[in-house]
Amino acid sequence: MSSNRANGTPASSSWRSTLPIHPAAELSPRMSPDELRALGEDIVKSGLKSPIVLWRPDPRSPPSLLDGINRLDAIEIATGSPVIVGAPSIVAGEHFLACDKVLVLNKSIDPYSYVISANIRRRHLTAKQKRDLIAKLIRVTPEKSNNAIAKQMKVDDKTVGKVRREMEGRSEIPNVETRTDTRGRKQPAKRNPTRARLHREAKLGPEVVGKLEATSLASAREQDELIVLNRGAAEGEHTEIVQDLVARAVKGEGVSAVSCAKTGAAFRRDDIGANSSGEIARKLARLEQLEAENARLRRENLALRSEVEELKARLLDIPAFLDRTH
């Protein structure tokens, strides 16, 4: 046996020299040399349980390996011989043969979806491994939407969004203008912010609002309460309680500005009473909400009046043959 194989590393003349690896296959976590050696010994003893999967876009194109890097490396390490993959069987040396253990997929199967599904089904992935897999998938398919990747990974789309923003912040992936959703439709990567979001960005800062996505302070209610807690801070700055809540939320703690305000933890002991700064701030915030609600009701009232007038005009427009006054 060569020194490379003894160290748990496939020889240069292995299957890798004849079988190209599909980019999607690189999403699979790699095993350590000791893990590969143990896996190879088990395969030689008990047989190959999971098939080696190849993928080819059309009958004229050569196949590439989609799933099975660890298993092929493990077989070579255990047998000390190069693996020959010839669908539908695998041969390694004189004593290893796995019949009908090579599956060839075509373009009707999305290679990335297949690899992710196989990994999730075959392995119990830790939270870190899932995030690493999400990052790899975003890196190779940045044009896919957060929802599409979340559906593949069986995670929340907010988790995917957080990983993407971190990667964009480190310039690890390009900023694409459009993304493909779960139905294959092209959608704008970034939607125009709503008036409510613009208001929160103006009060808290766009960077802070962006950081709070996919955290316990992501909801409109929590951020509106943060605005209340931030009253009295200089323009562009934040109160100590807001700084603390934001920092803890970004770290992944389940903090709540609403609960903080309800329990009074956000205010000093001497800041109590009807005329305290905290109470005045809450009343001003409530006044803003009531004014916004009043403006909305006025608009709806005007719209209803217009509809009523139009309906009256239609009802009074009686055809001549029905008008008995003539």
C-alpha atoms as a PDB file:
ATOM      1  CA  MET A   1       0.000   0.000   0.000  1.00  0.00           C
ATOM      2  CA  SER A   2       1.340   3.471  -0.885  1.00  0.00           C
ATOM      3  CA  SER A   3       2.200   6.004   1.815  1.00  0.00           C
ATOM      4  CA  ASN A   4      -0.609   8.277   0.605  1.00  0.00           C
ATOM      5  CA  ARG A   5      -3.233   5.591   1.151  1.00  0.00           C
ATOM      6  CA  ALA A   6      -1.729   4.623   4.482  1.00  0.00           C
ATOM      7  CA  ASN A   7      -2.143   8.241   5.589  1.00  0.00           C
ATOM      8  CA  GLY A   8      -5.780   8.255   4.565  1.00  0.00           C
ATOM      9  CA  THR A   9      -5.254  10.244   1.363  1.00  0.00           C
ATOM     10  CA  PRO A  10      -6.336   8.835  -2.047  1.00  0.00           C
ATOM     11  CA  ALA A  11      -3.491   8.317  -4.500  1.00  0.00           C
ATOM     12  CA  SER A  12      -3.088  10.657  -7.461  1.00  0.00           C
ATOM     13  CA  SER A  13      -3.996   7.786  -9.831  1.00  0.00           C
ATOM     14  CA  SER A  14      -7.348   7.322  -8.112  1.00  0.00           C
ATOM     15  CA  TRP A  15     -10.829   7.734  -9.509  1.00  0.00           C
ATOM     16  CA  ARG A  16     -10.317  11.507  -9.354  1.00  0.00           C
ATOM     17  CA  SER A  17      -8.003  11.373 -12.376  1.00  0.00           C
ATOM     18  CA  THR A  18     -10.742   9.941 -14.612  1.00  0.00           C
ATOM     19  CA  LEU A  19     -14.055  11.104 -13.133  1.00  0.00           C
ATOM     20  CA  PRO A  20     -14.766  14.857 -12.927  1.00  0.00           C
ATOM     21  CA  ILE A  21     -16.508  16.152  -9.807  1.00  0.00           C
ATOM     22  CA  HIS A  22     -19.675  18.231 -10.196  1.00  0.00           C
ATOM     23  CA  PRO A  23     -19.555  21.562  -8.265  1.00  0.00           C
ATOM     24  CA  ALA A  24     -22.646  20.505  -6.316  1.00  0.00           C
ATOM     25  CA  ALA A  25     -20.742  17.525  -4.897  1.00  0.00           C
ATOM     26  CA  GLU A  26     -18.397  19.938  -3.122  1.00  0.00           C
ATOM     27  CA  LEU A  27     -21.304  20.913  -0.863  1.00  0.00           C
ATOM     28  CA  SER A  28     -20.991  17.610   0.993  1.00  0.00           C
ATOM     29  CA  PRO A  29     -18.927  17.771   4.215  1.00  0.00           C
ATOM     30  CA  ARG A  30     -15.536  16.025   3.920  1.00  0.00           C
ATOM     31  CA  MET A  31     -14.540  13.273   6.327  1.00  0.00           C
ATOM     32  CA  SER A  32     -11.290  13.131   8.252  1.00  0.00           C
ATOM     33  CA  PRO A  33      -8.662  10.455   7.333  1.00  0.00           C
ATOM     34  CA  ASP A  34      -9.650   8.354  10.354  1.00  0.00           C
ATOM     35  CA  GLU A  35     -13.337   8.583   9.449  1.00  0.00           C
ATOM     36  CA  LEU A  36     -12.573   7.636   5.834  1.00  0.00           C
ATOM     37  CA  ARG A  37     -10.537   4.633   6.943  1.00  0.00           C
ATOM     38  CA  ALA A  38     -13.338   3.424   9.228  1.00  0.00           C
ATOM     39  CA  LEU A  39     -15.931   3.946   6.501  1.00  0.00           C
ATOM     40  CA  GLY A  40     -13.828   2.073   3.946  1.00  0.00           C
ATOM     41  CA  GLU A  41     -13.359  -0.899   6.244  1.00  0.00           C
ATOM     42  CA  ASP A  42     -17.109  -1.030   6.861  1.00  0.00           C
ATOM     43  CA  ILE A  43     -17.882  -0.864   3.116  1.00  0.00           C
ATOM     44  CA  VAL A  44     -15.412  -3.663   2.320  1.00  0.00           C
ATOM     45  CA  LYS A  45     -16.866  -5.800   5.116  1.00  0.00           C
ATOM     46  CA  SER A  46     -20.606  -5.073   4.776  1.00  0.00           C
ATOM     47  CA  GLY A  47     -20.924  -3.756   1.242  1.00  0.00           C
ATOM     48  CA  LEU A  48     -21.777  -0.388  -0.265  1.00  0.00           C
ATOM     49  CA  LYS A  49     -25.182   0.637   1.108  1.00  0.00           C
ATOM     50  CA  SER A  50     -25.693   4.034  -0.582  1.00  0.00           C
ATOM     51  CA  PRO A  51     -25.178   4.236  -4.365  1.00  0.00           C
ATOM     52  CA  ILE A  52     -22.625   6.423  -6.083  1.00  0.00           C
ATOM     53  CA  VAL A  53     -24.532   9.072  -8.042  1.00  0.00           C
ATOM     54  CA  LEU A  54     -23.395  10.526 -11.375  1.00  0.00           C
ATOM     55  CA  TRP A  55     -25.018  13.369 -13.309  1.00  0.00           C
ATOM     56  CA  ARG A  56     -24.974  14.204 -17.002  1.00  0.00           C
ATOM     57  CA  PRO A  57     -26.875  17.051 -18.714  1.00  0.00           C
ATOM     58  CA  ASP A  58     -27.396  15.071 -21.932  1.00  0.00           C
ATOM     59  CA  PRO A  59     -26.511  11.637 -23.386  1.00  0.00           C
ATOM     60  CA  ARG A  60     -23.558  13.052 -25.356  1.00  0.00           C
ATOM     61  CA  SER A  61     -21.867  14.662 -22.333  1.00  0.00           C
ATOM     62  CA  PRO A  62     -19.516  12.741 -20.034  1.00  0.00           C
ATOM     63  CA  PRO A  63     -20.912  12.100 -16.542  1.00  0.00           C
ATOM     64  CA  SER A  64     -19.588  13.838 -13.427  1.00  0.00           C
ATOM     65  CA  LEU A  65     -19.687  12.681  -9.827  1.00  0.00           C
ATOM     66  CA  LEU A  66     -22.615  14.178  -7.937  1.00  0.00           C
ATOM     67  CA  ASP A  67     -22.640  12.205  -4.685  1.00  0.00           C
ATOM     68  CA  GLY A  68     -20.100   9.779  -3.236  1.00  0.00           C
ATOM     69  CA  ILE A  69     -16.716  11.514  -2.829  1.00  0.00           C
ATOM     70  CA  ASN A  70     -16.192  10.214   0.713  1.00  0.00           C
ATOM     71  CA  ARG A  71     -17.286   6.665  -0.170  1.00  0.00           C
ATOM     72  CA  LEU A  72     -14.985   6.404  -3.201  1.00  0.00           C
ATOM     73  CA  ASP A  73     -12.024   7.792  -1.239  1.00  0.00           C
ATOM     74  CA  ALA A  74     -12.820   5.398   1.622  1.00  0.00           C
ATOM     75  CA  ILE A  75     -12.887   2.367  -0.702  1.00  0.00           C
ATOM     76  CA  GLU A  76      -9.498   3.284  -2.153  1.00  0.00           C
ATOM     77  CA  ILE A  77      -7.995   3.720   1.305  1.00  0.00           C
ATOM     78  CA  ALA A  78      -9.396   0.391   2.541  1.00  0.00           C
ATOM     79  CA  THR A  79      -8.516  -1.664  -0.554  1.00  0.00           C
ATOM     80  CA  GLY A  80      -5.266   0.081  -1.472  1.00  0.00           C
ATOM     81  CA  SER A  81      -6.374   0.106  -5.107  1.00  0.00           C
ATOM     82  CA  PRO A  82      -7.789   2.766  -7.442  1.00  0.00           C
ATOM     83  CA  VAL A  83     -11.551   2.685  -7.812  1.00  0.00           C
ATOM     84  CA  ILE A  84     -12.976   2.277 -11.301  1.00  0.00           C
ATOM     85  CA  VAL A  85     -16.500   3.657 -11.640  1.00  0.00           C
ATOM     86  CA  GLY A  86     -18.287   2.140 -14.610  1.00  0.00           C
ATOM     87  CA  ALA A  87     -22.049   2.410 -14.397  1.00  0.00           C
ATOM     88  CA  PRO A  88     -23.714   0.438 -13.016  1.00  0.00           C
ATOM     89  CA  SER A  89     -20.842  -1.114 -11.027  1.00  0.00           C
ATOM     90  CA  ILE A  90     -17.705  -0.222  -9.055  1.00  0.00           C
ATOM     91  CA  VAL A  91     -14.423  -2.158  -9.009  1.00  0.00           C
ATOM     92  CA  ALA A  92     -11.390  -1.701  -6.753  1.00  0.00           C
ATOM     93  CA  GLY A  93      -8.498  -4.140  -7.138  1.00  0.00           C
ATOM     94  CA  GLU A  94      -9.130  -7.880  -7.370  1.00  0.00           C
ATOM     95  CA  HIS A  95     -11.384  -8.352  -4.380  1.00  0.00           C
ATOM     96  CA  PHE A  96     -13.893  -5.483  -4.323  1.00  0.00           C
ATOM     97  CA  LEU A  97     -16.912  -5.367  -6.627  1.00  0.00           C
ATOM     98  CA  ALA A  98     -20.187  -3.486  -6.053  1.00  0.00           C
ATOM     99  CA  CYS A  99     -22.770  -4.336  -8.694  1.00  0.00           C
ATOM    100  CA  ASP A 100     -25.687  -2.053  -9.541  1.00  0.00           C
ATOM    101  CA  LYS A 101     -24.410   0.619  -7.162  1.00  0.00           C
ATOM    102  CA  VAL A 102     -23.979   3.482  -9.640  1.00  0.00           C
ATOM    103  CA  LEU A 103     -26.951   5.734 -10.374  1.00  0.00           C
ATOM    104  CA  VAL A 104     -26.883   8.145 -13.336  1.00  0.00           C
ATOM    105  CA  LEU A 105     -29.197  11.180 -13.196  1.00  0.00           C
ATOM    106  CA  ASN A 106     -30.070  13.551 -16.040  1.00  0.00           C
ATOM    107  CA  LYS A 107     -30.993  17.215 -16.318  1.00  0.00           C
ATOM    108  CA  SER A 108     -34.516  16.553 -15.016  1.00  0.00           C
ATOM    109  CA  ILE A 109     -32.922  16.440 -11.547  1.00  0.00           C
ATOM    110  CA  ASP A 110     -31.463  19.631 -10.085  1.00  0.00           C
ATOM    111  CA  PRO A 111     -27.966  18.588  -8.907  1.00  0.00           C
ATOM    112  CA  TYR A 112     -27.818  21.053  -6.012  1.00  0.00           C
ATOM    113  CA  SER A 113     -31.229  20.068  -4.690  1.00  0.00           C
ATOM    114  CA  TYR A 114     -30.270  16.397  -4.867  1.00  0.00           C
ATOM    115  CA  VAL A 115     -26.999  16.824  -2.948  1.00  0.00           C
ATOM    116  CA  ILE A 116     -28.612  18.913  -0.224  1.00  0.00           C
ATOM    117  CA  SER A 117     -31.514  16.490   0.147  1.00  0.00           C
ATOM    118  CA  ALA A 118     -29.102  13.540   0.360  1.00  0.00           C
ATOM    119  CA  ASN A 119     -26.976  15.249   3.000  1.00  0.00           C
ATOM    120  CA  ILE A 120     -29.949  16.252   5.150  1.00  0.00           C
ATOM    121  CA  ARG A 121     -31.432  12.753   4.866  1.00  0.00           C
ATOM    122  CA  ARG A 122     -28.151  10.903   5.445  1.00  0.00           C
ATOM    123  CA  ARG A 123     -26.562  13.050   8.155  1.00  0.00           C
ATOM    124  CA  HIS A 124     -27.601  14.782  11.351  1.00  0.00           C
ATOM    125  CA  LEU A 125     -26.168  18.222  10.661  1.00  0.00           C
ATOM    126  CA  THR A 126     -25.317  20.594  13.491  1.00  0.00           C
ATOM    127  CA  ALA A 127     -26.412  24.244  13.350  1.00  0.00           C
ATOM    128  CA  LYS A 128     -22.901  25.244  12.260  1.00  0.00           C
ATOM    129  CA  GLN A 129     -22.794  22.582   9.534  1.00  0.00           C
ATOM    130  CA  LYS A 130     -26.158  23.804   8.246  1.00  0.00           C
ATOM    131  CA  ARG A 131     -24.903  27.397   8.138  1.00  0.00           C
ATOM    132  CA  ASP A 132     -21.757  26.242   6.334  1.00  0.00           C
ATOM    133  CA  LEU A 133     -23.875  24.334   3.826  1.00  0.00           C
ATOM    134  CA  ILE A 134     -26.125  27.385   3.333  1.00  0.00           C
ATOM    135  CA  ALA A 135     -23.035  29.533   2.722  1.00  0.00           C
ATOM    136  CA  LYS A 136     -21.670  27.053   0.155  1.00  0.00           C
ATOM    137  CA  LEU A 137     -25.012  26.969  -1.656  1.00  0.00           C
ATOM    138  CA  ILE A 138     -25.258  30.773  -1.731  1.00  0.00           C
ATOM    139  CA  ARG A 139     -21.682  30.958  -3.042  1.00  0.00           C
ATOM    140  CA  VAL A 140     -22.352  28.628  -5.999  1.00  0.00           C
ATOM    141  CA  THR A 141     -25.933  29.799  -6.696  1.00  0.00           C
ATOM    142  CA  PRO A 142     -26.138  33.470  -5.601  1.00  0.00           C
ATOM    143  CA  GLU A 143     -28.995  34.005  -8.048  1.00  0.00           C
ATOM    144  CA  LYS A 144     -31.349  31.799  -5.999  1.00  0.00           C
ATOM    145  CA  SER A 145     -33.718  33.576  -3.624  1.00  0.00           C
ATOM    146  CA  ASN A 146     -33.544  33.156   0.139  1.00  0.00           C
ATOM    147  CA  ASN A 147     -36.885  31.329   0.061  1.00  0.00           C
ATOM    148  CA  ALA A 148     -35.677  28.899  -2.604  1.00  0.00           C
ATOM    149  CA  ILE A 149     -32.522  28.048  -0.649  1.00  0.00           C
ATOM    150  CA  ALA A 150     -34.469  27.841   2.625  1.00  0.00           C
ATOM    151  CA  LYS A 151     -36.869  25.348   1.034  1.00  0.00           C
ATOM    152  CA  GLN A 152     -33.954  23.197  -0.113  1.00  0.00           C
ATOM    153  CA  MET A 153     -32.254  23.336   3.288  1.00  0.00           C
ATOM    154  CA  LYS A 154     -35.501  23.009   5.284  1.00  0.00           C
ATOM    155  CA  VAL A 155     -34.649  26.098   7.340  1.00  0.00           C
ATOM    156  CA  ASP A 156     -36.207  29.535   7.859  1.00  0.00           C
ATOM    157  CA  ASP A 157     -35.621  32.031   5.045  1.00  0.00           C
ATOM    158  CA  LYS A 158     -34.492  34.579   7.658  1.00  0.00           C
ATOM    159  CA  THR A 159     -31.561  32.309   8.487  1.00  0.00           C
ATOM    160  CA  VAL A 160     -30.561  32.227   4.828  1.00  0.00           C
ATOM    161  CA  GLY A 161     -30.938  36.010   4.614  1.00  0.00           C
ATOM    162  CA  LYS A 162     -28.662  36.521   7.605  1.00  0.00           C
ATOM    163  CA  VAL A 163     -25.961  34.263   6.133  1.00  0.00           C
ATOM    164  CA  ARG A 164     -26.235  36.070   2.778  1.00  0.00           C
ATOM    165  CA  ARG A 165     -25.893  39.521   4.359  1.00  0.00           C
ATOM    166  CA  GLU A 166     -22.812  38.401   6.279  1.00  0.00           C
ATOM    167  CA  MET A 167     -21.258  37.068   3.070  1.00  0.00           C
ATOM    168  CA  GLU A 168     -22.137  40.234   1.149  1.00  0.00           C
ATOM    169  CA  GLY A 169     -20.603  42.301   3.942  1.00  0.00           C
ATOM    170  CA  ARG A 170     -17.343  40.359   3.528  1.00  0.00           C
ATOM    171  CA  SER A 171     -17.586  40.644  -0.304  1.00  0.00           C
ATOM    172  CA  GLU A 172     -17.616  36.848  -0.597  1.00  0.00           C
ATOM    173  CA  ILE A 173     -20.480  36.860  -3.099  1.00  0.00           C
ATOM    174  CA  PRO A 174     -21.679  39.313  -5.756  1.00  0.00           C
ATOM    175  CA  ASN A 175     -24.708  41.547  -5.232  1.00  0.00           C
ATOM    176  CA  VAL A 176     -27.186  40.292  -7.843  1.00  0.00           C
ATOM    177  CA  GLU A 177     -30.057  42.477  -9.068  1.00  0.00           C
ATOM    178  CA  THR A 178     -32.545  39.616  -9.495  1.00  0.00           C
ATOM    179  CA  ARG A 179     -33.032  36.238  -7.847  1.00  0.00           C
ATOM    180  CA  THR A 180     -34.936  33.122  -8.883  1.00  0.00           C
ATOM    181  CA  ASP A 181     -37.789  32.172  -6.552  1.00  0.00           C
ATOM    182  CA  THR A 182     -39.179  28.708  -5.762  1.00  0.00           C
ATOM    183  CA  ARG A 183     -41.297  28.802  -8.937  1.00  0.00           C
ATOM    184  CA  GLY A 184     -38.412  29.731 -11.208  1.00  0.00           C
ATOM    185  CA  ARG A 185     -39.506  33.354 -11.590  1.00  0.00           C
ATOM    186  CA  LYS A 186     -37.052  36.257 -11.649  1.00  0.00           C
ATOM    187  CA  GLN A 187     -37.695  38.654  -8.779  1.00  0.00           C
ATOM    188  CA  PRO A 188     -35.872  41.846  -7.710  1.00  0.00           C
ATOM    189  CA  ALA A 189     -33.172  40.971  -5.170  1.00  0.00           C
ATOM    190  CA  LYS A 190     -34.096  43.964  -3.065  1.00  0.00           C
ATOM    191  CA  ARG A 191     -37.609  45.366  -2.878  1.00  0.00           C
ATOM    192  CA  ASN A 192     -38.316  49.040  -2.349  1.00  0.00           C
ATOM    193  CA  PRO A 193     -38.625  49.684   1.386  1.00  0.00           C
ATOM    194  CA  THR A 194     -42.083  50.438   2.763  1.00  0.00           C
ATOM    195  CA  ARG A 195     -42.934  53.769   4.342  1.00  0.00           C
ATOM    196  CA  ALA A 196     -42.940  52.111   7.764  1.00  0.00           C
ATOM    197  CA  ARG A 197     -39.443  50.702   7.235  1.00  0.00           C
ATOM    198  CA  LEU A 198     -38.166  54.066   6.032  1.00  0.00           C
ATOM    199  CA  HIS A 199     -39.567  55.601   9.221  1.00  0.00           C
ATOM    200  CA  ARG A 200     -37.776  53.028  11.384  1.00  0.00           C
ATOM    201  CA  GLU A 201     -34.535  53.506   9.439  1.00  0.00           C
ATOM    202  CA  ALA A 202     -34.799  57.271   9.947  1.00  0.00           C
ATOM    203  CA  LYS A 203     -35.281  56.826  13.697  1.00  0.00           C
ATOM    204  CA  LEU A 204     -32.842  53.982  14.371  1.00  0.00           C
ATOM    205  CA  GLY A 205     -30.510  54.111  11.376  1.00  0.00           C
ATOM    206  CA  PRO A 206     -30.556  51.815   8.300  1.00  0.00           C
ATOM    207  CA  GLU A 207     -27.559  49.815   9.544  1.00  0.00           C
ATOM    208  CA  VAL A 208     -29.277  48.967  12.823  1.00  0.00           C
ATOM    209  CA  VAL A 209     -32.538  47.985  11.092  1.00  0.00           C
ATOM    210  CA  GLY A 210     -30.564  45.798   8.684  1.00  0.00           C
ATOM    211  CA  LYS A 211     -28.707  44.070  11.528  1.00  0.00           C
ATOM    212  CA  LEU A 212     -31.969  43.295  13.308  1.00  0.00           C
ATOM    213  CA  GLU A 213     -33.355  41.163  10.477  1.00  0.00           C
ATOM    214  CA  ALA A 214     -33.640  37.506  11.501  1.00  0.00           C
ATOM    215  CA  THR A 215     -33.279  38.463  15.196  1.00  0.00           C
ATOM    216  CA  SER A 216     -35.779  38.660  18.053  1.00  0.00           C
ATOM    217  CA  LEU A 217     -36.098  42.398  17.323  1.00  0.00           C
ATOM    218  CA  ALA A 218     -37.001  41.969  13.647  1.00  0.00           C
ATOM    219  CA  SER A 219     -40.743  42.658  13.959  1.00  0.00           C
ATOM    220  CA  ALA A 220     -42.282  46.085  13.404  1.00  0.00           C
ATOM    221  CA  ARG A 221     -43.695  46.073  16.933  1.00  0.00           C
ATOM    222  CA  GLU A 222     -40.289  45.467  18.517  1.00  0.00           C
ATOM    223  CA  GLN A 223     -38.605  48.148  16.410  1.00  0.00           C
ATOM    224  CA  ASP A 224     -41.358  50.666  17.111  1.00  0.00           C
ATOM    225  CA  GLU A 225     -40.744  50.055  20.818  1.00  0.00           C
ATOM    226  CA  LEU A 226     -37.012  50.539  20.228  1.00  0.00           C
ATOM    227  CA  ILE A 227     -37.834  53.957  18.774  1.00  0.00           C
ATOM    228  CA  VAL A 228     -39.684  54.806  21.984  1.00  0.00           C
ATOM    229  CA  LEU A 229     -36.752  53.599  24.092  1.00  0.00           C
ATOM    230  CA  ASN A 230     -34.381  55.673  21.983  1.00  0.00           C
ATOM    231  CA  ARG A 231     -36.107  58.993  22.679  1.00  0.00           C
ATOM    232  CA  GLY A 232     -33.775  61.549  24.179  1.00  0.00           C
ATOM    233  CA  ALA A 233     -30.689  60.280  22.341  1.00  0.00           C
ATOM    234  CA  ALA A 234     -28.756  62.687  20.136  1.00  0.00           C
ATOM    235  CA  GLU A 235     -29.324  62.444  16.386  1.00  0.00           C
ATOM    236  CA  GLY A 236     -27.523  59.434  14.958  1.00  0.00           C
ATOM    237  CA  GLU A 237     -26.916  57.953  18.419  1.00  0.00           C
ATOM    238  CA  HIS A 238     -28.743  55.510  20.666  1.00  0.00           C
ATOM    239  CA  THR A 239     -29.611  55.272  24.325  1.00  0.00           C
ATOM    240  CA  GLU A 240     -27.797  52.727  26.460  1.00  0.00           C
ATOM    241  CA  ILE A 241     -30.804  50.411  26.637  1.00  0.00           C
ATOM    242  CA  VAL A 242     -31.183  50.396  22.824  1.00  0.00           C
ATOM    243  CA  GLN A 243     -27.466  49.736  22.348  1.00  0.00           C
ATOM    244  CA  ASP A 244     -27.668  46.848  24.795  1.00  0.00           C
ATOM    245  CA  LEU A 245     -30.784  45.306  23.242  1.00  0.00           C
ATOM    246  CA  VAL A 246     -29.409  45.555  19.688  1.00  0.00           C
ATOM    247  CA  ALA A 247     -26.037  44.085  20.652  1.00  0.00           C
ATOM    248  CA  ARG A 248     -27.640  41.156  22.455  1.00  0.00           C
ATOM    249  CA  ALA A 249     -30.137  40.494  19.640  1.00  0.00           C
ATOM    250  CA  VAL A 250     -27.367  40.419  17.027  1.00  0.00           C
ATOM    251  CA  LYS A 251     -25.546  37.837  19.170  1.00  0.00           C
ATOM    252  CA  GLY A 252     -28.645  35.631  18.957  1.00  0.00           C
ATOM    253  CA  GLU A 253     -30.203  36.298  22.360  1.00  0.00           C
ATOM    254  CA  GLY A 254     -33.997  36.346  22.504  1.00  0.00           C
ATOM    255  CA  VAL A 255     -34.380  39.864  23.871  1.00  0.00           C
ATOM    256  CA  SER A 256     -37.571  41.930  23.576  1.00  0.00           C
ATOM    257  CA  ALA A 257     -37.934  45.705  23.608  1.00  0.00           C
ATOM    258  CA  VAL A 258     -41.672  45.321  24.250  1.00  0.00           C
ATOM    259  CA  SER A 259     -41.113  43.187  27.352  1.00  0.00           C
ATOM    260  CA  CYS A 260     -38.340  45.497  28.487  1.00  0.00           C
ATOM    261  CA  ALA A 261     -40.662  48.499  28.346  1.00  0.00           C
ATOM    262  CA  LYS A 262     -43.504  46.639  30.068  1.00  0.00           C
ATOM    263  CA  THR A 263     -41.366  45.587  32.997  1.00  0.00           C
ATOM    264  CA  GLY A 264     -39.892  49.067  33.321  1.00  0.00           C
ATOM    265  CA  ALA A 265     -36.340  47.745  33.005  1.00  0.00           C
ATOM    266  CA  ALA A 266     -35.597  50.386  30.423  1.00  0.00           C
ATOM    267  CA  PHE A 267     -36.140  53.300  32.781  1.00  0.00           C
ATOM    268  CA  ARG A 268     -34.348  54.548  35.863  1.00  0.00           C
ATOM    269  CA  ARG A 269     -36.041  54.316  39.265  1.00  0.00           C
ATOM    270  CA  ASP A 270     -36.337  58.118  39.452  1.00  0.00           C
ATOM    271  CA  ASP A 271     -37.893  58.226  35.994  1.00  0.00           C
ATOM    272  CA  ILE A 272     -41.439  57.476  37.107  1.00  0.00           C
ATOM    273  CA  GLY A 273     -44.737  59.318  37.312  1.00  0.00           C
ATOM    274  CA  ALA A 274     -47.065  60.993  34.826  1.00  0.00           C
ATOM    275  CA  ASN A 275     -44.558  63.758  34.037  1.00  0.00           C
ATOM    276  CA  SER A 276     -41.437  61.573  33.797  1.00  0.00           C
ATOM    277  CA  SER A 277     -39.436  61.619  30.598  1.00  0.00           C
ATOM    278  CA  GLY A 278     -40.190  57.945  30.008  1.00  0.00           C
ATOM    279  CA  GLU A 279     -43.946  58.424  30.372  1.00  0.00           C
ATOM    280  CA  ILE A 280     -43.880  61.511  28.163  1.00  0.00           C
ATOM    281  CA  ALA A 281     -41.912  59.595  25.523  1.00  0.00           C
ATOM    282  CA  ARG A 282     -44.457  56.780  25.565  1.00  0.00           C
ATOM    283  CA  LYS A 283     -47.331  59.219  25.298  1.00  0.00           C
ATOM    284  CA  LEU A 284     -45.689  61.016  22.386  1.00  0.00           C
ATOM    285  CA  ALA A 285     -45.130  57.719  20.596  1.00  0.00           C
ATOM    286  CA  ARG A 286     -48.762  56.772  21.196  1.00  0.00           C
ATOM    287  CA  LEU A 287     -49.841  60.169  19.902  1.00  0.00           C
ATOM    288  CA  GLU A 288     -47.865  59.576  16.701  1.00  0.00           C
ATOM    289  CA  GLN A 289     -49.585  56.216  16.264  1.00  0.00           C
ATOM    290  CA  LEU A 290     -53.027  57.767  16.818  1.00  0.00           C
ATOM    291  CA  GLU A 291     -52.306  60.572  14.343  1.00  0.00           C
ATOM    292  CA  ALA A 292     -51.217  58.031  11.723  1.00  0.00           C
ATOM    293  CA  GLU A 293     -54.360  55.978  12.355  1.00  0.00           C
ATOM    294  CA  ASN A 294     -56.507  59.134  12.149  1.00  0.00           C
ATOM    295  CA  ALA A 295     -54.939  60.055   8.806  1.00  0.00           C
ATOM    296  CA  ARG A 296     -55.642  56.561   7.483  1.00  0.00           C
ATOM    297  CA  LEU A 297     -59.281  56.705   8.592  1.00  0.00           C
ATOM    298  CA  ARG A 298     -59.719  60.127   6.922  1.00  0.00           C
ATOM    299  CA  ARG A 299     -58.443  58.721   3.636  1.00  0.00           C
ATOM    300  CA  GLU A 300     -60.778  55.760   3.866  1.00  0.00           C
ATOM    301  CA  ASN A 301     -63.685  58.085   4.703  1.00  0.00           C
ATOM    302  CA  LEU A 302     -63.029  60.219   1.621  1.00  0.00           C
ATOM    303  CA  ALA A 303     -62.837  57.108  -0.541  1.00  0.00           C
ATOM    304  CA  LEU A 304     -66.175  55.828   0.840  1.00  0.00           C
ATOM    305  CA  ARG A 305     -67.837  59.183   0.264  1.00  0.00           C
ATOM    306  CA  SER A 306     -66.695  59.159  -3.335  1.00  0.00           C
ATOM    307  CA  GLU A 307     -68.117  55.657  -3.812  1.00  0.00           C
ATOM    308  CA  VAL A 308     -71.448  56.701  -2.249  1.00  0.00           C
ATOM    309  CA  GLU A 309     -71.734  59.737  -4.547  1.00  0.00           C
ATOM    310  CA  GLU A 310     -70.955  57.606  -7.566  1.00  0.00           C
ATOM    311  CA  LEU A 311     -73.566  55.047  -6.512  1.00  0.00           C
ATOM    312  CA  LYS A 312     -76.184  57.759  -6.063  1.00  0.00           C
ATOM    313  CA  ALA A 313     -75.477  59.104  -9.535  1.00  0.00           C
ATOM    314  CA  ARG A 314     -75.940  55.653 -11.023  1.00  0.00           C
ATOM    315  CA  LEU A 315     -79.220  55.061  -9.208  1.00  0.00           C
ATOM    316  CA  LEU A 316     -80.657  58.427 -10.262  1.00  0.00           C
ATOM    317  CA  ASP A 317     -79.761  57.849 -13.894  1.00  0.00           C
ATOM    318  CA  ILE A 318     -83.157  56.159 -14.732  1.00  0.00           C
ATOM    319  CA  PRO A 319     -83.671  55.019 -18.356  1.00  0.00           C
ATOM    320  CA  ALA A 320     -86.360  56.983 -20.223  1.00  0.00           C
ATOM    321  CA  PHE A 321     -88.615  53.959 -20.806  1.00  0.00           C
ATOM    322  CA  LEU A 322     -88.800  53.358 -17.036  1.00  0.00           C
ATOM    323  CA  ASP A 323     -89.408  56.953 -16.070  1.00  0.00           C
ATOM    324  CA  ARG A 324     -93.206  57.167 -15.446  1.00  0.00           C
ATOM    325  CA  THR A 325     -93.134  60.924 -15.036  1.00  0.00           C
ATOM    326  CA  HIS A 326     -93.064  61.278 -18.854  1.00  0.00           C
END
